[in-house]
Amino acid sequence: MTDPEPRYRRILVKLSGEALMGSQPFGIEPAVVKAIAGELVEVLDLGVQVAAVVGGGNIIRGVSAHEQGIDRITGDSMGMLATVINALALSSAVEQLGRPTRVQTAIEMHQVAEPF
């Protein structure tokens, strides 16, 4: 018996930064990132194209930074950098499983990500 055809050819997965924390109060838990990467690769193996959007709330939130005395624009910029950190962690985990990835961001940082 052959596997059924996937319902969708392309999907978008939104991961909150908190999903990467695992049982930690903040940061990235490598085992959790590895597990999520494994699930994404399973979907890729079905022939589905996957785009993942990752939040940065496990590292910092612009609103929280503002409440701690950091101006709102700087706090939001810090939050955007946190999303790139998470994207790089997830990208690395997926690539360790043998699948190519691309990290894209609206913040120009050509050494680590493509402009979007």
PDB file of N, CA and C in Angstrom:
ATOM      1  N   MET A   1       0.840  -1.175   0.000  1.00  0.00           N
ATOM      2  CA  MET A   1       0.000   0.000   0.000  1.00  0.00           C
ATOM      3  C   MET A   1       0.890   1.244   0.000  1.00  0.00           C
ATOM      4  N   THR A   2       0.565   2.211  -0.837  1.00  0.00           N
ATOM      5  CA  THR A   2       1.359   3.439  -0.900  1.00  0.00           C
ATOM      6  C   THR A   2       0.778   4.485   0.041  1.00  0.00           C
ATOM      7  N   ASP A   3       1.652   5.383   0.452  1.00  0.00           N
ATOM      8  CA  ASP A   3       1.207   6.467   1.327  1.00  0.00           C
ATOM      9  C   ASP A   3       0.256   7.380   0.570  1.00  0.00           C
ATOM     10  N   PRO A   4      -0.753   7.895   1.255  1.00  0.00           N
ATOM     11  CA  PRO A   4      -1.672   8.829   0.580  1.00  0.00           C
ATOM     12  C   PRO A   4      -0.956  10.122   0.224  1.00  0.00           C
ATOM     13  N   GLU A   5      -1.461  10.787  -0.774  1.00  0.00           N
ATOM     14  CA  GLU A   5      -0.917  12.065  -1.212  1.00  0.00           C
ATOM     15  C   GLU A   5      -1.183  13.121  -0.133  1.00  0.00           C
ATOM     16  N   PRO A   6      -0.198  13.967   0.195  1.00  0.00           N
ATOM     17  CA  PRO A   6      -0.449  15.012   1.193  1.00  0.00           C
ATOM     18  C   PRO A   6      -1.572  15.940   0.745  1.00  0.00           C
ATOM     19  N   ARG A   7      -2.342  16.413   1.701  1.00  0.00           N
ATOM     20  CA  ARG A   7      -3.450  17.323   1.384  1.00  0.00           C
ATOM     21  C   ARG A   7      -2.929  18.665   0.887  1.00  0.00           C
ATOM     22  N   TYR A   8      -1.806  19.109   1.466  1.00  0.00           N
ATOM     23  CA  TYR A   8      -1.233  20.400   1.100  1.00  0.00           C
ATOM     24  C   TYR A   8       0.183  20.220   0.569  1.00  0.00           C
ATOM     25  N   ARG A   9       0.548  21.042  -0.384  1.00  0.00           N
ATOM     26  CA  ARG A   9       1.906  21.009  -0.943  1.00  0.00           C
ATOM     27  C   ARG A   9       2.848  21.943  -0.185  1.00  0.00           C
ATOM     28  N   ARG A  10       2.280  23.004   0.413  1.00  0.00           N
ATOM     29  CA  ARG A  10       3.066  23.982   1.157  1.00  0.00           C
ATOM     30  C   ARG A  10       2.326  24.309   2.445  1.00  0.00           C
ATOM     31  N   ILE A  11       3.085  24.456   3.529  1.00  0.00           N
ATOM     32  CA  ILE A  11       2.474  24.860   4.792  1.00  0.00           C
ATOM     33  C   ILE A  11       3.333  25.926   5.468  1.00  0.00           C
ATOM     34  N   LEU A  12       2.685  26.690   6.329  1.00  0.00           N
ATOM     35  CA  LEU A  12       3.359  27.677   7.157  1.00  0.00           C
ATOM     36  C   LEU A  12       3.153  27.263   8.608  1.00  0.00           C
ATOM     37  N   VAL A  13       4.243  27.120   9.338  1.00  0.00           N
ATOM     38  CA  VAL A  13       4.195  26.740  10.745  1.00  0.00           C
ATOM     39  C   VAL A  13       4.639  27.947  11.566  1.00  0.00           C
ATOM     40  N   LYS A  14       3.814  28.354  12.535  1.00  0.00           N
ATOM     41  CA  LYS A  14       4.178  29.458  13.435  1.00  0.00           C
ATOM     42  C   LYS A  14       4.536  28.854  14.777  1.00  0.00           C
ATOM     43  N   LEU A  15       5.767  29.076  15.202  1.00  0.00           N
ATOM     44  CA  LEU A  15       6.243  28.573  16.491  1.00  0.00           C
ATOM     45  C   LEU A  15       6.497  29.757  17.412  1.00  0.00           C
ATOM     46  N   SER A  16       5.897  29.730  18.574  1.00  0.00           N
ATOM     47  CA  SER A  16       6.200  30.787  19.540  1.00  0.00           C
ATOM     48  C   SER A  16       7.592  30.519  20.094  1.00  0.00           C
ATOM     49  N   GLY A  17       8.255  31.562  20.512  1.00  0.00           N
ATOM     50  CA  GLY A  17       9.562  31.386  21.140  1.00  0.00           C
ATOM     51  C   GLY A  17       9.459  30.520  22.377  1.00  0.00           C
ATOM     52  N   GLU A  18       8.323  30.641  23.081  1.00  0.00           N
ATOM     53  CA  GLU A  18       8.130  29.855  24.300  1.00  0.00           C
ATOM     54  C   GLU A  18       8.164  28.353  24.020  1.00  0.00           C
ATOM     55  N   ALA A  19       7.811  27.953  22.812  1.00  0.00           N
ATOM     56  CA  ALA A  19       7.835  26.527  22.459  1.00  0.00           C
ATOM     57  C   ALA A  19       9.248  25.967  22.520  1.00  0.00           C
ATOM     58  N   LEU A  20      10.247  26.817  22.354  1.00  0.00           N
ATOM     59  CA  LEU A  20      11.637  26.366  22.338  1.00  0.00           C
ATOM     60  C   LEU A  20      12.263  26.293  23.734  1.00  0.00           C
ATOM     61  N   MET A  21      11.560  26.793  24.734  1.00  0.00           N
ATOM     62  CA  MET A  21      12.097  26.826  26.098  1.00  0.00           C
ATOM     63  C   MET A  21      12.075  25.468  26.780  1.00  0.00           C
ATOM     64  N   GLY A  22      11.125  24.630  26.404  1.00  0.00           N
ATOM     65  CA  GLY A  22      10.973  23.373  27.125  1.00  0.00           C
ATOM     66  C   GLY A  22      10.590  23.662  28.560  1.00  0.00           C
ATOM     67  N   SER A  23      11.271  23.050  29.501  1.00  0.00           N
ATOM     68  CA  SER A  23      10.948  23.234  30.915  1.00  0.00           C
ATOM     69  C   SER A  23      11.741  24.368  31.561  1.00  0.00           C
ATOM     70  N   GLN A  24      12.578  25.040  30.768  1.00  0.00           N
ATOM     71  CA  GLN A  24      13.387  26.139  31.293  1.00  0.00           C
ATOM     72  C   GLN A  24      12.531  27.400  31.443  1.00  0.00           C
ATOM     73  N   PRO A  25      12.919  28.330  32.313  1.00  0.00           N
ATOM     74  CA  PRO A  25      12.165  29.575  32.446  1.00  0.00           C
ATOM     75  C   PRO A  25      12.390  30.548  31.284  1.00  0.00           C
ATOM     76  N   PHE A  26      13.482  30.388  30.537  1.00  0.00           N
ATOM     77  CA  PHE A  26      13.774  31.209  29.356  1.00  0.00           C
ATOM     78  C   PHE A  26      14.854  30.504  28.548  1.00  0.00           C
ATOM     79  N   GLY A  27      15.125  31.012  27.371  1.00  0.00           N
ATOM     80  CA  GLY A  27      16.198  30.461  26.544  1.00  0.00           C
ATOM     81  C   GLY A  27      15.731  29.344  25.630  1.00  0.00           C
ATOM     82  N   ILE A  28      16.683  28.561  25.190  1.00  0.00           N
ATOM     83  CA  ILE A  28      16.444  27.494  24.216  1.00  0.00           C
ATOM     84  C   ILE A  28      16.874  26.171  24.829  1.00  0.00           C
ATOM     85  N   GLU A  29      15.973  25.192  24.794  1.00  0.00           N
ATOM     86  CA  GLU A  29      16.313  23.845  25.257  1.00  0.00           C
ATOM     87  C   GLU A  29      16.632  22.993  24.027  1.00  0.00           C
ATOM     88  N   PRO A  30      17.891  22.599  23.852  1.00  0.00           N
ATOM     89  CA  PRO A  30      18.301  21.899  22.633  1.00  0.00           C
ATOM     90  C   PRO A  30      17.458  20.662  22.301  1.00  0.00           C
ATOM     91  N   ALA A  31      17.064  19.899  23.298  1.00  0.00           N
ATOM     92  CA  ALA A  31      16.269  18.690  23.024  1.00  0.00           C
ATOM     93  C   ALA A  31      14.926  19.047  22.404  1.00  0.00           C
ATOM     94  N   VAL A  32      14.345  20.150  22.819  1.00  0.00           N
ATOM     95  CA  VAL A  32      13.058  20.586  22.265  1.00  0.00           C
ATOM     96  C   VAL A  32      13.241  21.032  20.816  1.00  0.00           C
ATOM     97  N   VAL A  33      14.286  21.800  20.563  1.00  0.00           N
ATOM     98  CA  VAL A  33      14.559  22.257  19.192  1.00  0.00           C
ATOM     99  C   VAL A  33      14.804  21.057  18.287  1.00  0.00           C
ATOM    100  N   LYS A  34      15.546  20.082  18.775  1.00  0.00           N
ATOM    101  CA  LYS A  34      15.821  18.877  17.995  1.00  0.00           C
ATOM    102  C   LYS A  34      14.533  18.111  17.696  1.00  0.00           C
ATOM    103  N   ALA A  35      13.638  18.017  18.659  1.00  0.00           N
ATOM    104  CA  ALA A  35      12.368  17.317  18.454  1.00  0.00           C
ATOM    105  C   ALA A  35      11.497  18.039  17.428  1.00  0.00           C
ATOM    106  N   ILE A  36      11.426  19.363  17.531  1.00  0.00           N
ATOM    107  CA  ILE A  36      10.645  20.135  16.560  1.00  0.00           C
ATOM    108  C   ILE A  36      11.246  19.983  15.172  1.00  0.00           C
ATOM    109  N   ALA A  37      12.566  20.046  15.079  1.00  0.00           N
ATOM    110  CA  ALA A  37      13.237  19.871  13.784  1.00  0.00           C
ATOM    111  C   ALA A  37      12.901  18.501  13.199  1.00  0.00           C
ATOM    112  N   GLY A  38      12.889  17.479  14.040  1.00  0.00           N
ATOM    113  CA  GLY A  38      12.545  16.135  13.576  1.00  0.00           C
ATOM    114  C   GLY A  38      11.140  16.070  13.007  1.00  0.00           C
ATOM    115  N   GLU A  39      10.205  16.750  13.654  1.00  0.00           N
ATOM    116  CA  GLU A  39       8.831  16.772  13.152  1.00  0.00           C
ATOM    117  C   GLU A  39       8.746  17.519  11.824  1.00  0.00           C
ATOM    118  N   LEU A  40       9.484  18.613  11.705  1.00  0.00           N
ATOM    119  CA  LEU A  40       9.485  19.347  10.437  1.00  0.00           C
ATOM    120  C   LEU A  40      10.069  18.494   9.315  1.00  0.00           C
ATOM    121  N   VAL A  41      11.133  17.755   9.609  1.00  0.00           N
ATOM    122  CA  VAL A  41      11.744  16.893   8.595  1.00  0.00           C
ATOM    123  C   VAL A  41      10.781  15.772   8.191  1.00  0.00           C
ATOM    124  N   GLU A  42      10.016  15.258   9.129  1.00  0.00           N
ATOM    125  CA  GLU A  42       9.006  14.243   8.782  1.00  0.00           C
ATOM    126  C   GLU A  42       8.020  14.791   7.758  1.00  0.00           C
ATOM    127  N   VAL A  43       7.611  16.031   7.938  1.00  0.00           N
ATOM    128  CA  VAL A  43       6.681  16.652   6.989  1.00  0.00           C
ATOM    129  C   VAL A  43       7.380  16.889   5.655  1.00  0.00           C
ATOM    130  N   LEU A  44       8.632  17.353   5.702  1.00  0.00           N
ATOM    131  CA  LEU A  44       9.390  17.535   4.463  1.00  0.00           C
ATOM    132  C   LEU A  44       9.523  16.217   3.704  1.00  0.00           C
ATOM    133  N   ASP A  45       9.706  15.125   4.427  1.00  0.00           N
ATOM    134  CA  ASP A  45       9.848  13.813   3.798  1.00  0.00           C
ATOM    135  C   ASP A  45       8.577  13.369   3.071  1.00  0.00           C
ATOM    136  N   LEU A  46       7.451  13.983   3.403  1.00  0.00           N
ATOM    137  CA  LEU A  46       6.195  13.700   2.701  1.00  0.00           C
ATOM    138  C   LEU A  46       6.104  14.457   1.376  1.00  0.00           C
ATOM    139  N   GLY A  47       7.085  15.336   1.127  1.00  0.00           N
ATOM    140  CA  GLY A  47       7.075  16.128  -0.093  1.00  0.00           C
ATOM    141  C   GLY A  47       6.409  17.483   0.084  1.00  0.00           C
ATOM    142  N   VAL A  48       6.165  17.878   1.308  1.00  0.00           N
ATOM    143  CA  VAL A  48       5.518  19.156   1.600  1.00  0.00           C
ATOM    144  C   VAL A  48       6.589  20.219   1.826  1.00  0.00           C
ATOM    145  N   GLN A  49       6.418  21.375   1.200  1.00  0.00           N
ATOM    146  CA  GLN A  49       7.314  22.501   1.441  1.00  0.00           C
ATOM    147  C   GLN A  49       6.885  23.172   2.746  1.00  0.00           C
ATOM    148  N   VAL A  50       7.847  23.479   3.607  1.00  0.00           N
ATOM    149  CA  VAL A  50       7.550  24.024   4.919  1.00  0.00           C
ATOM    150  C   VAL A  50       8.238  25.373   5.096  1.00  0.00           C
ATOM    151  N   ALA A  51       7.462  26.359   5.521  1.00  0.00           N
ATOM    152  CA  ALA A  51       8.009  27.639   5.960  1.00  0.00           C
ATOM    153  C   ALA A  51       7.687  27.742   7.445  1.00  0.00           C
ATOM    154  N   ALA A  52       8.655  28.130   8.236  1.00  0.00           N
ATOM    155  CA  ALA A  52       8.445  28.264   9.677  1.00  0.00           C
ATOM    156  C   ALA A  52       8.711  29.705  10.090  1.00  0.00           C
ATOM    157  N   VAL A  53       7.787  30.249  10.856  1.00  0.00           N
ATOM    158  CA  VAL A  53       7.937  31.577  11.446  1.00  0.00           C
ATOM    159  C   VAL A  53       8.148  31.348  12.934  1.00  0.00           C
ATOM    160  N   VAL A  54       9.211  31.927  13.473  1.00  0.00           N
ATOM    161  CA  VAL A  54       9.563  31.672  14.868  1.00  0.00           C
ATOM    162  C   VAL A  54       9.517  32.976  15.651  1.00  0.00           C
ATOM    163  N   GLY A  55       8.901  32.941  16.813  1.00  0.00           N
ATOM    164  CA  GLY A  55       8.875  34.097  17.702  1.00  0.00           C
ATOM    165  C   GLY A  55      10.134  34.157  18.556  1.00  0.00           C
ATOM    166  N   GLY A  56      10.249  35.200  19.359  1.00  0.00           N
ATOM    167  CA  GLY A  56      11.434  35.375  20.187  1.00  0.00           C
ATOM    168  C   GLY A  56      11.136  35.565  21.661  1.00  0.00           C
ATOM    169  N   GLY A  57       9.893  35.279  22.076  1.00  0.00           N
ATOM    170  CA  GLY A  57       9.480  35.537  23.447  1.00  0.00           C
ATOM    171  C   GLY A  57      10.197  34.729  24.501  1.00  0.00           C
ATOM    172  N   ASN A  58      10.899  33.688  24.118  1.00  0.00           N
ATOM    173  CA  ASN A  58      11.683  32.917  25.081  1.00  0.00           C
ATOM    174  C   ASN A  58      12.954  33.649  25.492  1.00  0.00           C
ATOM    175  N   ILE A  59      13.334  34.666  24.725  1.00  0.00           N
ATOM    176  CA  ILE A  59      14.550  35.416  25.007  1.00  0.00           C
ATOM    177  C   ILE A  59      14.200  36.803  25.547  1.00  0.00           C
ATOM    178  N   ILE A  60      13.353  37.528  24.831  1.00  0.00           N
ATOM    179  CA  ILE A  60      12.929  38.860  25.280  1.00  0.00           C
ATOM    180  C   ILE A  60      11.654  39.242  24.548  1.00  0.00           C
ATOM    181  N   ARG A  61      10.866  40.056  25.184  1.00  0.00           N
ATOM    182  CA  ARG A  61       9.680  40.635  24.559  1.00  0.00           C
ATOM    183  C   ARG A  61       9.835  42.145  24.595  1.00  0.00           C
ATOM    184  N   GLY A  62       9.502  42.804  23.492  1.00  0.00           N
ATOM    185  CA  GLY A  62       9.615  44.254  23.436  1.00  0.00           C
ATOM    186  C   GLY A  62       8.821  44.939  24.532  1.00  0.00           C
ATOM    187  N   VAL A  63       7.613  44.454  24.808  1.00  0.00           N
ATOM    188  CA  VAL A  63       6.775  45.052  25.843  1.00  0.00           C
ATOM    189  C   VAL A  63       7.431  44.897  27.209  1.00  0.00           C
ATOM    190  N   SER A  64       7.950  43.723  27.511  1.00  0.00           N
ATOM    191  CA  SER A  64       8.607  43.499  28.804  1.00  0.00           C
ATOM    192  C   SER A  64       9.848  44.368  28.945  1.00  0.00           C
ATOM    193  N   ALA A  65      10.604  44.491  27.878  1.00  0.00           N
ATOM    194  CA  ALA A  65      11.808  45.323  27.929  1.00  0.00           C
ATOM    195  C   ALA A  65      11.416  46.769  28.217  1.00  0.00           C
ATOM    196  N   HIS A  66      10.327  47.215  27.611  1.00  0.00           N
ATOM    197  CA  HIS A  66       9.850  48.577  27.839  1.00  0.00           C
ATOM    198  C   HIS A  66       9.479  48.773  29.308  1.00  0.00           C
ATOM    199  N   GLU A  67       8.838  47.762  29.888  1.00  0.00           N
ATOM    200  CA  GLU A  67       8.466  47.842  31.299  1.00  0.00           C
ATOM    201  C   GLU A  67       9.695  47.865  32.209  1.00  0.00           C
ATOM    202  N   GLN A  68      10.834  47.402  31.720  1.00  0.00           N
ATOM    203  CA  GLN A  68      12.071  47.391  32.495  1.00  0.00           C
ATOM    204  C   GLN A  68      12.918  48.639  32.232  1.00  0.00           C
ATOM    205  N   GLY A  69      12.360  49.597  31.509  1.00  0.00           N
ATOM    206  CA  GLY A  69      13.060  50.855  31.299  1.00  0.00           C
ATOM    207  C   GLY A  69      13.757  50.994  29.965  1.00  0.00           C
ATOM    208  N   ILE A  70      13.675  50.008  29.102  1.00  0.00           N
ATOM    209  CA  ILE A  70      14.269  50.099  27.766  1.00  0.00           C
ATOM    210  C   ILE A  70      13.231  50.744  26.861  1.00  0.00           C
ATOM    211  N   ASP A  71      13.644  51.705  26.038  1.00  0.00           N
ATOM    212  CA  ASP A  71      12.638  52.355  25.188  1.00  0.00           C
ATOM    213  C   ASP A  71      12.020  51.333  24.238  1.00  0.00           C
ATOM    214  N   ARG A  72      10.793  51.596  23.853  1.00  0.00           N
ATOM    215  CA  ARG A  72       9.979  50.625  23.119  1.00  0.00           C
ATOM    216  C   ARG A  72      10.621  50.204  21.800  1.00  0.00           C
ATOM    217  N   ILE A  73      11.169  51.143  21.060  1.00  0.00           N
ATOM    218  CA  ILE A  73      11.776  50.810  19.763  1.00  0.00           C
ATOM    219  C   ILE A  73      12.980  49.894  19.955  1.00  0.00           C
ATOM    220  N   THR A  74      13.816  50.194  20.943  1.00  0.00           N
ATOM    221  CA  THR A  74      14.972  49.343  21.223  1.00  0.00           C
ATOM    222  C   THR A  74      14.511  47.963  21.673  1.00  0.00           C
ATOM    223  N   GLY A  75      13.500  47.908  22.534  1.00  0.00           N
ATOM    224  CA  GLY A  75      12.960  46.623  22.995  1.00  0.00           C
ATOM    225  C   GLY A  75      12.414  45.793  21.850  1.00  0.00           C
ATOM    226  N   ASP A  76      11.696  46.446  20.931  1.00  0.00           N
ATOM    227  CA  ASP A  76      11.177  45.723  19.762  1.00  0.00           C
ATOM    228  C   ASP A  76      12.315  45.216  18.883  1.00  0.00           C
ATOM    229  N   SER A  77      13.358  46.018  18.735  1.00  0.00           N
ATOM    230  CA  SER A  77      14.528  45.578  17.954  1.00  0.00           C
ATOM    231  C   SER A  77      15.194  44.375  18.614  1.00  0.00           C
ATOM    232  N   MET A  78      15.293  44.401  19.937  1.00  0.00           N
ATOM    233  CA  MET A  78      15.865  43.266  20.661  1.00  0.00           C
ATOM    234  C   MET A  78      15.011  42.016  20.442  1.00  0.00           C
ATOM    235  N   GLY A  79      13.690  42.188  20.435  1.00  0.00           N
ATOM    236  CA  GLY A  79      12.793  41.057  20.179  1.00  0.00           C
ATOM    237  C   GLY A  79      12.981  40.487  18.783  1.00  0.00           C
ATOM    238  N   MET A  80      13.196  41.360  17.799  1.00  0.00           N
ATOM    239  CA  MET A  80      13.425  40.880  16.436  1.00  0.00           C
ATOM    240  C   MET A  80      14.737  40.110  16.346  1.00  0.00           C
ATOM    241  N   LEU A  81      15.748  40.574  17.067  1.00  0.00           N
ATOM    242  CA  LEU A  81      17.011  39.830  17.096  1.00  0.00           C
ATOM    243  C   LEU A  81      16.822  38.466  17.759  1.00  0.00           C
ATOM    244  N   ALA A  82      15.971  38.407  18.773  1.00  0.00           N
ATOM    245  CA  ALA A  82      15.680  37.133  19.436  1.00  0.00           C
ATOM    246  C   ALA A  82      15.039  36.154  18.461  1.00  0.00           C
ATOM    247  N   THR A  83      14.184  36.649  17.569  1.00  0.00           N
ATOM    248  CA  THR A  83      13.574  35.741  16.591  1.00  0.00           C
ATOM    249  C   THR A  83      14.623  35.167  15.652  1.00  0.00           C
ATOM    250  N   VAL A  84      15.630  35.974  15.303  1.00  0.00           N
ATOM    251  CA  VAL A  84      16.704  35.484  14.434  1.00  0.00           C
ATOM    252  C   VAL A  84      17.523  34.424  15.170  1.00  0.00           C
ATOM    253  N   ILE A  85      17.797  34.652  16.447  1.00  0.00           N
ATOM    254  CA  ILE A  85      18.524  33.656  17.235  1.00  0.00           C
ATOM    255  C   ILE A  85      17.762  32.327  17.214  1.00  0.00           C
ATOM    256  N   ASN A  86      16.458  32.376  17.428  1.00  0.00           N
ATOM    257  CA  ASN A  86      15.655  31.152  17.422  1.00  0.00           C
ATOM    258  C   ASN A  86      15.635  30.502  16.044  1.00  0.00           C
ATOM    259  N   ALA A  87      15.519  31.332  15.014  1.00  0.00           N
ATOM    260  CA  ALA A  87      15.514  30.799  13.651  1.00  0.00           C
ATOM    261  C   ALA A  87      16.826  30.092  13.333  1.00  0.00           C
ATOM    262  N   LEU A  88      17.935  30.669  13.777  1.00  0.00           N
ATOM    263  CA  LEU A  88      19.232  30.031  13.543  1.00  0.00           C
ATOM    264  C   LEU A  88      19.338  28.704  14.291  1.00  0.00           C
ATOM    265  N   ALA A  89      18.815  28.657  15.509  1.00  0.00           N
ATOM    266  CA  ALA A  89      18.843  27.401  16.274  1.00  0.00           C
ATOM    267  C   ALA A  89      18.024  26.326  15.571  1.00  0.00           C
ATOM    268  N   LEU A  90      16.827  26.689  15.109  1.00  0.00           N
ATOM    269  CA  LEU A  90      15.978  25.720  14.420  1.00  0.00           C
ATOM    270  C   LEU A  90      16.589  25.310  13.085  1.00  0.00           C
ATOM    271  N   SER A  91      17.142  26.272  12.370  1.00  0.00           N
ATOM    272  CA  SER A  91      17.800  25.988  11.096  1.00  0.00           C
ATOM    273  C   SER A  91      18.937  24.992  11.280  1.00  0.00           C
ATOM    274  N   SER A  92      19.752  25.219  12.289  1.00  0.00           N
ATOM    275  CA  SER A  92      20.875  24.322  12.556  1.00  0.00           C
ATOM    276  C   SER A  92      20.389  22.908  12.854  1.00  0.00           C
ATOM    277  N   ALA A  93      19.333  22.802  13.643  1.00  0.00           N
ATOM    278  CA  ALA A  93      18.814  21.478  14.000  1.00  0.00           C
ATOM    279  C   ALA A  93      18.264  20.742  12.782  1.00  0.00           C
ATOM    280  N   VAL A  94      17.574  21.461  11.910  1.00  0.00           N
ATOM    281  CA  VAL A  94      17.036  20.827  10.688  1.00  0.00           C
ATOM    282  C   VAL A  94      18.181  20.421   9.772  1.00  0.00           C
ATOM    283  N   GLU A  95      19.185  21.268   9.630  1.00  0.00           N
ATOM    284  CA  GLU A  95      20.316  20.940   8.765  1.00  0.00           C
ATOM    285  C   GLU A  95      21.116  19.757   9.295  1.00  0.00           C
ATOM    286  N   GLN A  96      21.187  19.591  10.616  1.00  0.00           N
ATOM    287  CA  GLN A  96      21.863  18.427  11.191  1.00  0.00           C
ATOM    288  C   GLN A  96      21.134  17.136  10.835  1.00  0.00           C
ATOM    289  N   LEU A  97      19.853  17.261  10.467  1.00  0.00           N
ATOM    290  CA  LEU A  97      19.080  16.097  10.024  1.00  0.00           C
ATOM    291  C   LEU A  97      19.132  15.933   8.506  1.00  0.00           C
ATOM    292  N   GLY A  98      20.010  16.704   7.866  1.00  0.00           N
ATOM    293  CA  GLY A  98      20.270  16.502   6.444  1.00  0.00           C
ATOM    294  C   GLY A  98      19.405  17.292   5.493  1.00  0.00           C
ATOM    295  N   ARG A  99      18.662  18.267   5.971  1.00  0.00           N
ATOM    296  CA  ARG A  99      17.804  19.055   5.083  1.00  0.00           C
ATOM    297  C   ARG A  99      18.311  20.493   5.019  1.00  0.00           C
ATOM    298  N   PRO A 100      18.372  21.069   3.819  1.00  0.00           N
ATOM    299  CA  PRO A 100      18.828  22.455   3.704  1.00  0.00           C
ATOM    300  C   PRO A 100      17.765  23.426   4.224  1.00  0.00           C
ATOM    301  N   THR A 101      18.221  24.555   4.727  1.00  0.00           N
ATOM    302  CA  THR A 101      17.304  25.586   5.217  1.00  0.00           C
ATOM    303  C   THR A 101      17.787  26.956   4.762  1.00  0.00           C
ATOM    304  N   ARG A 102      16.910  27.928   4.937  1.00  0.00           N
ATOM    305  CA  ARG A 102      17.247  29.329   4.689  1.00  0.00           C
ATOM    306  C   ARG A 102      16.607  30.138   5.794  1.00  0.00           C
ATOM    307  N   VAL A 103      17.387  31.018   6.399  1.00  0.00           N
ATOM    308  CA  VAL A 103      16.850  31.947   7.389  1.00  0.00           C
ATOM    309  C   VAL A 103      16.705  33.296   6.696  1.00  0.00           C
ATOM    310  N   GLN A 104      15.519  33.883   6.813  1.00  0.00           N
ATOM    311  CA  GLN A 104      15.267  35.179   6.213  1.00  0.00           C
ATOM    312  C   GLN A 104      14.786  36.150   7.284  1.00  0.00           C
ATOM    313  N   THR A 105      15.183  37.410   7.144  1.00  0.00           N
ATOM    314  CA  THR A 105      14.787  38.432   8.100  1.00  0.00           C
ATOM    315  C   THR A 105      14.755  39.795   7.425  1.00  0.00           C
ATOM    316  N   ALA A 106      13.902  40.674   7.957  1.00  0.00           N
ATOM    317  CA  ALA A 106      13.845  42.037   7.449  1.00  0.00           C
ATOM    318  C   ALA A 106      14.988  42.880   7.997  1.00  0.00           C
ATOM    319  N   ILE A 107      15.666  42.391   9.045  1.00  0.00           N
ATOM    320  CA  ILE A 107      16.822  43.095   9.596  1.00  0.00           C
ATOM    321  C   ILE A 107      18.041  42.670   8.787  1.00  0.00           C
ATOM    322  N   GLU A 108      18.757  43.625   8.237  1.00  0.00           N
ATOM    323  CA  GLU A 108      19.901  43.262   7.422  1.00  0.00           C
ATOM    324  C   GLU A 108      21.044  42.746   8.283  1.00  0.00           C
ATOM    325  N   MET A 109      21.399  41.502   8.057  1.00  0.00           N
ATOM    326  CA  MET A 109      22.549  40.865   8.707  1.00  0.00           C
ATOM    327  C   MET A 109      23.011  39.759   7.773  1.00  0.00           C
ATOM    328  N   HIS A 110      23.619  40.179   6.690  1.00  0.00           N
ATOM    329  CA  HIS A 110      23.958  39.286   5.584  1.00  0.00           C
ATOM    330  C   HIS A 110      24.832  38.095   5.980  1.00  0.00           C
ATOM    331  N   GLN A 111      25.567  38.215   7.057  1.00  0.00           N
ATOM    332  CA  GLN A 111      26.451  37.121   7.449  1.00  0.00           C
ATOM    333  C   GLN A 111      25.673  35.904   7.965  1.00  0.00           C
ATOM    334  N   VAL A 112      24.456  36.108   8.477  1.00  0.00           N
ATOM    335  CA  VAL A 112      23.720  34.993   9.068  1.00  0.00           C
ATOM    336  C   VAL A 112      22.365  34.716   8.434  1.00  0.00           C
ATOM    337  N   ALA A 113      21.808  35.664   7.659  1.00  0.00           N
ATOM    338  CA  ALA A 113      20.465  35.470   7.109  1.00  0.00           C
ATOM    339  C   ALA A 113      20.306  36.254   5.820  1.00  0.00           C
ATOM    340  N   GLU A 114      19.371  35.799   5.012  1.00  0.00           N
ATOM    341  CA  GLU A 114      19.054  36.494   3.766  1.00  0.00           C
ATOM    342  C   GLU A 114      18.072  37.620   4.037  1.00  0.00           C
ATOM    343  N   PRO A 115      18.204  38.728   3.333  1.00  0.00           N
ATOM    344  CA  PRO A 115      17.206  39.796   3.510  1.00  0.00           C
ATOM    345  C   PRO A 115      15.845  39.351   2.975  1.00  0.00           C
ATOM    346  N   PHE A 116      14.807  39.803   3.613  1.00  0.00           N
ATOM    347  CA  PHE A 116      13.452  39.472   3.178  1.00  0.00           C
ATOM    348  C   PHE A 116      12.665  40.748   3.038  1.00  0.00           C
TER     349      PHE A 116
END
